[in-house]
Protein backbone atom coordinates (compact mmCIF):
# COMPACT_ATOMS: atom_id res chain seq x y z
CA MET A 1 129.10 98.77 101.99
CA LYS A 2 125.66 98.64 103.58
CA ILE A 3 123.40 101.40 102.31
CA LEU A 4 120.62 100.71 104.82
CA ASN A 5 120.75 99.32 108.32
CA ASP A 6 118.86 96.07 108.97
CA LYS A 7 115.85 97.63 110.73
CA VAL A 8 115.28 100.23 108.01
CA TYR A 9 115.68 97.58 105.33
CA ASP A 10 113.14 95.28 107.01
CA VAL A 11 110.57 98.07 107.35
CA LEU A 12 111.04 99.28 103.77
CA LYS A 13 110.84 95.71 102.48
CA TRP A 14 107.52 95.24 104.29
CA VAL A 15 106.26 98.54 102.88
CA ALA A 16 107.33 97.62 99.34
CA MET A 17 106.12 94.03 99.36
CA LEU A 18 102.88 94.32 101.32
CA PHE A 19 101.70 97.78 102.26
CA LEU A 20 102.00 99.77 99.01
CA PRO A 21 100.53 97.09 96.70
CA ALA A 22 97.63 96.57 99.12
CA LEU A 23 97.10 100.32 99.38
CA ALA A 24 97.05 100.69 95.60
CA VAL A 25 94.39 97.99 95.26
CA LEU A 26 92.35 99.51 98.09
CA VAL A 27 92.46 102.98 96.53
CA LYS A 28 91.58 101.72 93.05
CA THR A 29 88.68 99.61 94.34
CA VAL A 30 87.18 102.02 96.86
CA PHE A 31 87.50 105.01 94.57
CA ALA A 32 85.71 103.09 91.78
CA VAL A 33 82.91 101.90 94.08
CA TRP A 34 82.30 105.37 95.50
CA GLN A 35 82.93 107.10 92.17
CA ILE A 36 85.70 109.22 93.62
CA PRO A 37 87.82 110.79 90.86
CA TYR A 38 91.49 110.03 90.17
CA GLY A 39 91.53 106.50 91.59
CA ASP A 40 93.52 105.16 88.66
CA GLU A 41 95.99 108.03 88.81
CA ILE A 42 96.54 107.68 92.55
CA SER A 43 96.92 103.89 92.45
CA THR A 44 99.35 104.18 89.52
CA THR A 45 101.38 106.74 91.47
CA ILE A 46 101.49 104.42 94.48
CA MET A 47 102.72 101.57 92.29
CA ALA A 48 105.37 103.81 90.71
CA LEU A 49 106.60 104.67 94.20
CA ASP A 50 106.59 100.96 95.02
CA ALA A 51 108.68 100.16 91.93
CA PHE A 52 111.19 102.86 92.89
CA LEU A 53 111.39 101.56 96.45
CA GLY A 54 111.89 98.01 95.15
CA ALA A 55 114.79 99.20 92.99
CA ILE A 56 116.43 100.96 95.94
CA LEU A 57 116.03 97.85 98.09
CA GLY A 58 117.49 95.73 95.31
CA ILE A 59 120.56 97.97 95.16
CA SER A 60 120.91 97.73 98.93
CA THR A 61 120.65 93.93 98.79
CA ILE A 62 123.31 93.69 96.08
CA GLY A 63 125.64 95.91 98.12
CA TYR A 64 125.05 93.82 101.22
CA LYS A 65 125.70 90.53 99.43
CA LYS A 66 128.98 91.88 98.02
CA ASP A 67 130.11 92.80 101.55
CA VAL A 68 129.21 89.37 102.93
CA GLU A 69 130.99 87.39 100.21
C-alpha cells in the first residue's frame, strides 16, 4: 500500500534531505551573527521537524518496497 504518491514523496524527500537542514544552518548562523534571540531553539525545532519527516518518508518507502516485492 502506497502511503504517498510519487510526486508528493519526491517533494517531501527534497524538503527533508536538502531544504530543512540548510534552513536550520542558515537560521542558526544568521541569528548568531545578528544576535537575534532564539536561533538555537528555532534551528532545533526545524531539525526535529526534519527528523519526523524523515521517519514518515521511511515508513512510506518500506510500504512501497513491500508492494513492489
